């Protein structure tokens, strides 16, 4: 994964590596969800407050 590659680039090992990967996966996952939800909103041709509301609900439920 990208997170494991980043940990290797930082020369992390053991507990430090595991901790880094766990944090990385959580933040990457959130970013991916937001991106998917933004795409779904665009597909539905949403804009403004309707788009923001849709994206917020989408991120919480996925």
PDB file of N, CA and C in Angstrom:
ATOM      1  N   UNK A   1       0.838  -1.198   0.000  1.00  0.00           N
ATOM      2  CA  UNK A   1       0.000   0.000   0.000  1.00  0.00           C
ATOM      3  C   UNK A   1       0.872   1.247   0.000  1.00  0.00           C
ATOM      4  N   UNK A   2       0.253   2.377  -0.260  1.00  0.00           N
ATOM      5  CA  UNK A   2       0.983   3.643  -0.246  1.00  0.00           C
ATOM      6  C   UNK A   2       1.527   3.916   1.144  1.00  0.00           C
ATOM      7  N   UNK A   3       0.775   3.535   2.162  1.00  0.00           N
ATOM      8  CA  UNK A   3       1.188   3.785   3.542  1.00  0.00           C
ATOM      9  C   UNK A   3       2.430   2.976   3.896  1.00  0.00           C
ATOM     10  N   UNK A   4       2.469   1.715   3.469  1.00  0.00           N
ATOM     11  CA  UNK A   4       3.639   0.882   3.740  1.00  0.00           C
ATOM     12  C   UNK A   4       4.860   1.422   3.006  1.00  0.00           C
ATOM     13  N   UNK A   5       4.648   1.896   1.792  1.00  0.00           N
ATOM     14  CA  UNK A   5       5.743   2.480   1.011  1.00  0.00           C
ATOM     15  C   UNK A   5       6.274   3.733   1.701  1.00  0.00           C
ATOM     16  N   UNK A   6       5.367   4.573   2.199  1.00  0.00           N
ATOM     17  CA  UNK A   6       5.774   5.796   2.893  1.00  0.00           C
ATOM     18  C   UNK A   6       6.559   5.451   4.156  1.00  0.00           C
ATOM     19  N   UNK A   7       6.127   4.417   4.880  1.00  0.00           N
ATOM     20  CA  UNK A   7       6.834   3.992   6.090  1.00  0.00           C
ATOM     21  C   UNK A   7       8.242   3.512   5.738  1.00  0.00           C
ATOM     22  N   UNK A   8       8.357   2.768   4.636  1.00  0.00           N
ATOM     23  CA  UNK A   8       9.667   2.285   4.194  1.00  0.00           C
ATOM     24  C   UNK A   8      10.565   3.460   3.798  1.00  0.00           C
ATOM     25  N   UNK A   9       9.983   4.440   3.106  1.00  0.00           N
ATOM     26  CA  UNK A   9      10.749   5.627   2.705  1.00  0.00           C
ATOM     27  C   UNK A   9      11.289   6.367   3.926  1.00  0.00           C
ATOM     28  N   UNK A  10      10.512   6.344   5.010  1.00  0.00           N
ATOM     29  CA  UNK A  10      10.924   7.022   6.249  1.00  0.00           C
ATOM     30  C   UNK A  10      11.821   6.128   7.105  1.00  0.00           C
ATOM     31  N   UNK A  11      12.103   4.914   6.607  1.00  0.00           N
ATOM     32  CA  UNK A  11      12.942   3.942   7.306  1.00  0.00           C
ATOM     33  C   UNK A  11      12.402   3.605   8.707  1.00  0.00           C
ATOM     34  N   UNK A  12      11.077   3.509   8.811  1.00  0.00           N
ATOM     35  CA  UNK A  12      10.449   3.154  10.085  1.00  0.00           C
ATOM     36  C   UNK A  12      10.450   1.638  10.254  1.00  0.00           C
ATOM     37  N   UNK A  13      10.440   1.193  11.512  1.00  0.00           N
ATOM     38  CA  UNK A  13      10.397  -0.242  11.799  1.00  0.00           C
ATOM     39  C   UNK A  13       9.647  -0.480  13.104  1.00  0.00           C
ATOM     40  N   UNK A  14       9.189  -1.711  13.288  1.00  0.00           N
ATOM     41  CA  UNK A  14       8.548  -2.102  14.536  1.00  0.00           C
ATOM     42  C   UNK A  14       7.306  -1.304  14.861  1.00  0.00           C
ATOM     43  N   UNK A  15       7.177  -0.919  16.136  1.00  0.00           N
ATOM     44  CA  UNK A  15       5.985  -0.216  16.617  1.00  0.00           C
ATOM     45  C   UNK A  15       5.799   1.127  15.915  1.00  0.00           C
ATOM     46  N   UNK A  16       6.891   1.827  15.645  1.00  0.00           N
ATOM     47  CA  UNK A  16       6.799   3.128  14.975  1.00  0.00           C
ATOM     48  C   UNK A  16       6.199   2.962  13.580  1.00  0.00           C
ATOM     49  N   UNK A  17       6.636   1.911  12.890  1.00  0.00           N
ATOM     50  CA  UNK A  17       6.116   1.631  11.547  1.00  0.00           C
ATOM     51  C   UNK A  17       4.629   1.294  11.616  1.00  0.00           C
ATOM     52  N   UNK A  18       4.253   0.408  12.545  1.00  0.00           N
ATOM     53  CA  UNK A  18       2.850   0.006  12.679  1.00  0.00           C
ATOM     54  C   UNK A  18       1.961   1.195  13.001  1.00  0.00           C
ATOM     55  N   UNK A  19       2.409   2.031  13.918  1.00  0.00           N
ATOM     56  CA  UNK A  19       1.645   3.215  14.309  1.00  0.00           C
ATOM     57  C   UNK A  19       1.474   4.154  13.117  1.00  0.00           C
ATOM     58  N   UNK A  20       2.560   4.374  12.389  1.00  0.00           N
ATOM     59  CA  UNK A  20       2.512   5.251  11.216  1.00  0.00           C
ATOM     60  C   UNK A  20       1.519   4.713  10.184  1.00  0.00           C
ATOM     61  N   UNK A  21       1.585   3.414   9.911  1.00  0.00           N
ATOM     62  CA  UNK A  21       0.703   2.807   8.905  1.00  0.00           C
ATOM     63  C   UNK A  21      -0.762   2.908   9.333  1.00  0.00           C
ATOM     64  N   UNK A  22      -1.048   2.652  10.615  1.00  0.00           N
ATOM     65  CA  UNK A  22      -2.432   2.745  11.090  1.00  0.00           C
ATOM     66  C   UNK A  22      -2.984   4.156  10.897  1.00  0.00           C
ATOM     67  N   UNK A  23      -2.204   5.167  11.272  1.00  0.00           N
ATOM     68  CA  UNK A  23      -2.649   6.555  11.112  1.00  0.00           C
ATOM     69  C   UNK A  23      -2.815   6.890   9.638  1.00  0.00           C
ATOM     70  N   UNK A  24      -1.861   6.443   8.834  1.00  0.00           N
ATOM     71  CA  UNK A  24      -1.886   6.713   7.394  1.00  0.00           C
ATOM     72  C   UNK A  24      -3.132   6.115   6.752  1.00  0.00           C
ATOM     73  N   UNK A  25      -3.436   4.866   7.071  1.00  0.00           N
ATOM     74  CA  UNK A  25      -4.595   4.185   6.484  1.00  0.00           C
ATOM     75  C   UNK A  25      -5.887   4.912   6.849  1.00  0.00           C
ATOM     76  N   UNK A  26      -5.998   5.351   8.108  1.00  0.00           N
ATOM     77  CA  UNK A  26      -7.202   6.067   8.539  1.00  0.00           C
ATOM     78  C   UNK A  26      -7.386   7.351   7.751  1.00  0.00           C
ATOM     79  N   UNK A  27      -6.312   8.127   7.586  1.00  0.00           N
ATOM     80  CA  UNK A  27      -6.439   9.411   6.893  1.00  0.00           C
ATOM     81  C   UNK A  27      -6.612   9.205   5.395  1.00  0.00           C
ATOM     82  N   UNK A  28      -5.932   8.188   4.829  1.00  0.00           N
ATOM     83  CA  UNK A  28      -6.106   7.891   3.406  1.00  0.00           C
ATOM     84  C   UNK A  28      -7.530   7.432   3.131  1.00  0.00           C
ATOM     85  N   UNK A  29      -8.062   6.607   4.000  1.00  0.00           N
ATOM     86  CA  UNK A  29      -9.427   6.109   3.835  1.00  0.00           C
ATOM     87  C   UNK A  29     -10.432   7.238   3.812  1.00  0.00           C
ATOM     88  N   UNK A  30     -10.271   8.187   4.680  1.00  0.00           N
ATOM     89  CA  UNK A  30     -11.176   9.336   4.743  1.00  0.00           C
ATOM     90  C   UNK A  30     -11.087  10.154   3.462  1.00  0.00           C
ATOM     91  N   UNK A  31      -9.882  10.346   2.964  1.00  0.00           N
ATOM     92  CA  UNK A  31      -9.694  11.116   1.734  1.00  0.00           C
ATOM     93  C   UNK A  31     -10.347  10.401   0.552  1.00  0.00           C
ATOM     94  N   UNK A  32     -10.189   9.077   0.495  1.00  0.00           N
ATOM     95  CA  UNK A  32     -10.794   8.305  -0.587  1.00  0.00           C
ATOM     96  C   UNK A  32     -12.314   8.409  -0.555  1.00  0.00           C
ATOM     97  N   UNK A  33     -12.890   8.311   0.635  1.00  0.00           N
ATOM     98  CA  UNK A  33     -14.345   8.414   0.784  1.00  0.00           C
ATOM     99  C   UNK A  33     -14.830   9.764   0.290  1.00  0.00           C
ATOM    100  N   UNK A  34     -14.156  10.817   0.719  1.00  0.00           N
ATOM    101  CA  UNK A  34     -14.552  12.169   0.326  1.00  0.00           C
ATOM    102  C   UNK A  34     -14.492  12.310  -1.188  1.00  0.00           C
ATOM    103  N   UNK A  35     -13.447  11.769  -1.804  1.00  0.00           N
ATOM    104  CA  UNK A  35     -13.298  11.846  -3.257  1.00  0.00           C
ATOM    105  C   UNK A  35     -14.430  11.100  -3.955  1.00  0.00           C
ATOM    106  N   UNK A  36     -14.751   9.909  -3.467  1.00  0.00           N
ATOM    107  CA  UNK A  36     -15.840   9.124  -4.059  1.00  0.00           C
ATOM    108  C   UNK A  36     -17.164   9.856  -3.917  1.00  0.00           C
ATOM    109  N   UNK A  37     -17.390  10.463  -2.762  1.00  0.00           N
ATOM    110  CA  UNK A  37     -18.639  11.182  -2.515  1.00  0.00           C
ATOM    111  C   UNK A  37     -18.733  12.435  -3.387  1.00  0.00           C
ATOM    112  N   UNK A  38     -17.603  13.115  -3.573  1.00  0.00           N
ATOM    113  CA  UNK A  38     -17.575  14.299  -4.450  1.00  0.00           C
ATOM    114  C   UNK A  38     -17.948  13.888  -5.877  1.00  0.00           C
ATOM    115  N   UNK A  39     -17.402  12.743  -6.323  1.00  0.00           N
ATOM    116  CA  UNK A  39     -17.715  12.247  -7.673  1.00  0.00           C
ATOM    117  C   UNK A  39     -19.197  11.931  -7.795  1.00  0.00           C
ATOM    118  N   UNK A  40     -19.764  11.289  -6.777  1.00  0.00           N
ATOM    119  CA  UNK A  40     -21.184  10.940  -6.790  1.00  0.00           C
ATOM    120  C   UNK A  40     -22.037  12.205  -6.852  1.00  0.00           C
ATOM    121  N   UNK A  41     -21.639  13.235  -6.107  1.00  0.00           N
ATOM    122  CA  UNK A  41     -22.370  14.505  -6.119  1.00  0.00           C
ATOM    123  C   UNK A  41     -22.309  15.136  -7.509  1.00  0.00           C
ATOM    124  N   UNK A  42     -21.149  15.065  -8.140  1.00  0.00           N
ATOM    125  CA  UNK A  42     -20.992  15.617  -9.489  1.00  0.00           C
ATOM    126  C   UNK A  42     -21.869  14.849 -10.481  1.00  0.00           C
ATOM    127  N   UNK A  43     -21.905  13.513 -10.323  1.00  0.00           N
ATOM    128  CA  UNK A  43     -22.744  12.688 -11.196  1.00  0.00           C
ATOM    129  C   UNK A  43     -24.214  13.070 -11.069  1.00  0.00           C
ATOM    130  N   UNK A  44     -24.617  13.462  -9.863  1.00  0.00           N
ATOM    131  CA  UNK A  44     -26.006  13.862  -9.623  1.00  0.00           C
ATOM    132  C   UNK A  44     -26.233  15.337  -9.962  1.00  0.00           C
ATOM    133  N   UNK A  45     -25.176  15.994 -10.439  1.00  0.00           N
ATOM    134  CA  UNK A  45     -25.232  17.410 -10.821  1.00  0.00           C
ATOM    135  C   UNK A  45     -25.659  18.306  -9.653  1.00  0.00           C
ATOM    136  N   UNK A  46     -25.181  17.959  -8.447  1.00  0.00           N
ATOM    137  CA  UNK A  46     -25.491  18.761  -7.267  1.00  0.00           C
ATOM    138  C   UNK A  46     -24.512  19.928  -7.170  1.00  0.00           C
ATOM    139  N   UNK A  47     -24.972  21.018  -6.543  1.00  0.00           N
ATOM    140  CA  UNK A  47     -24.107  22.179  -6.352  1.00  0.00           C
ATOM    141  C   UNK A  47     -24.491  22.891  -5.068  1.00  0.00           C
ATOM    142  N   UNK A  48     -23.588  23.716  -4.572  1.00  0.00           N
ATOM    143  CA  UNK A  48     -23.868  24.535  -3.396  1.00  0.00           C
ATOM    144  C   UNK A  48     -24.189  23.729  -2.157  1.00  0.00           C
ATOM    145  N   UNK A  49     -25.197  24.201  -1.410  1.00  0.00           N
ATOM    146  CA  UNK A  49     -25.572  23.575  -0.140  1.00  0.00           C
ATOM    147  C   UNK A  49     -26.022  22.127  -0.329  1.00  0.00           C
ATOM    148  N   UNK A  50     -26.728  21.849  -1.415  1.00  0.00           N
ATOM    149  CA  UNK A  50     -27.201  20.487  -1.668  1.00  0.00           C
ATOM    150  C   UNK A  50     -26.011  19.542  -1.839  1.00  0.00           C
ATOM    151  N   UNK A  51     -24.995  19.998  -2.562  1.00  0.00           N
ATOM    152  CA  UNK A  51     -23.791  19.183  -2.768  1.00  0.00           C
ATOM    153  C   UNK A  51     -23.079  18.958  -1.438  1.00  0.00           C
ATOM    154  N   UNK A  52     -22.884  20.022  -0.667  1.00  0.00           N
ATOM    155  CA  UNK A  52     -22.187  19.904   0.615  1.00  0.00           C
ATOM    156  C   UNK A  52     -22.903  18.937   1.548  1.00  0.00           C
ATOM    157  N   UNK A  53     -24.223  19.051   1.615  1.00  0.00           N
ATOM    158  CA  UNK A  53     -25.025  18.187   2.468  1.00  0.00           C
ATOM    159  C   UNK A  53     -24.892  16.732   2.019  1.00  0.00           C
ATOM    160  N   UNK A  54     -24.989  16.501   0.720  1.00  0.00           N
ATOM    161  CA  UNK A  54     -24.878  15.153   0.170  1.00  0.00           C
ATOM    162  C   UNK A  54     -23.511  14.545   0.494  1.00  0.00           C
ATOM    163  N   UNK A  55     -22.448  15.314   0.276  1.00  0.00           N
ATOM    164  CA  UNK A  55     -21.093  14.810   0.515  1.00  0.00           C
ATOM    165  C   UNK A  55     -20.892  14.478   1.996  1.00  0.00           C
ATOM    166  N   UNK A  56     -21.368  15.348   2.889  1.00  0.00           N
ATOM    167  CA  UNK A  56     -21.226  15.086   4.325  1.00  0.00           C
ATOM    168  C   UNK A  56     -21.936  13.797   4.727  1.00  0.00           C
ATOM    169  N   UNK A  57     -23.173  13.619   4.256  1.00  0.00           N
ATOM    170  CA  UNK A  57     -23.928  12.402   4.584  1.00  0.00           C
ATOM    171  C   UNK A  57     -23.247  11.176   3.986  1.00  0.00           C
ATOM    172  N   UNK A  58     -22.777  11.309   2.766  1.00  0.00           N
ATOM    173  CA  UNK A  58     -22.124  10.214   2.055  1.00  0.00           C
ATOM    174  C   UNK A  58     -20.879   9.748   2.813  1.00  0.00           C
ATOM    175  N   UNK A  59     -20.049  10.679   3.249  1.00  0.00           N
ATOM    176  CA  UNK A  59     -18.815  10.329   3.956  1.00  0.00           C
ATOM    177  C   UNK A  59     -19.125   9.609   5.269  1.00  0.00           C
ATOM    178  N   UNK A  60     -20.168  10.061   5.971  1.00  0.00           N
ATOM    179  CA  UNK A  60     -20.538   9.437   7.247  1.00  0.00           C
ATOM    180  C   UNK A  60     -21.060   8.018   7.059  1.00  0.00           C
ATOM    181  N   UNK A  61     -21.799   7.778   5.978  1.00  0.00           N
ATOM    182  CA  UNK A  61     -22.458   6.489   5.803  1.00  0.00           C
ATOM    183  C   UNK A  61     -21.602   5.455   5.084  1.00  0.00           C
ATOM    184  N   UNK A  62     -20.564   5.873   4.349  1.00  0.00           N
ATOM    185  CA  UNK A  62     -19.751   4.884   3.621  1.00  0.00           C
ATOM    186  C   UNK A  62     -18.543   4.450   4.411  1.00  0.00           C
TER     187      UNK A  62
END
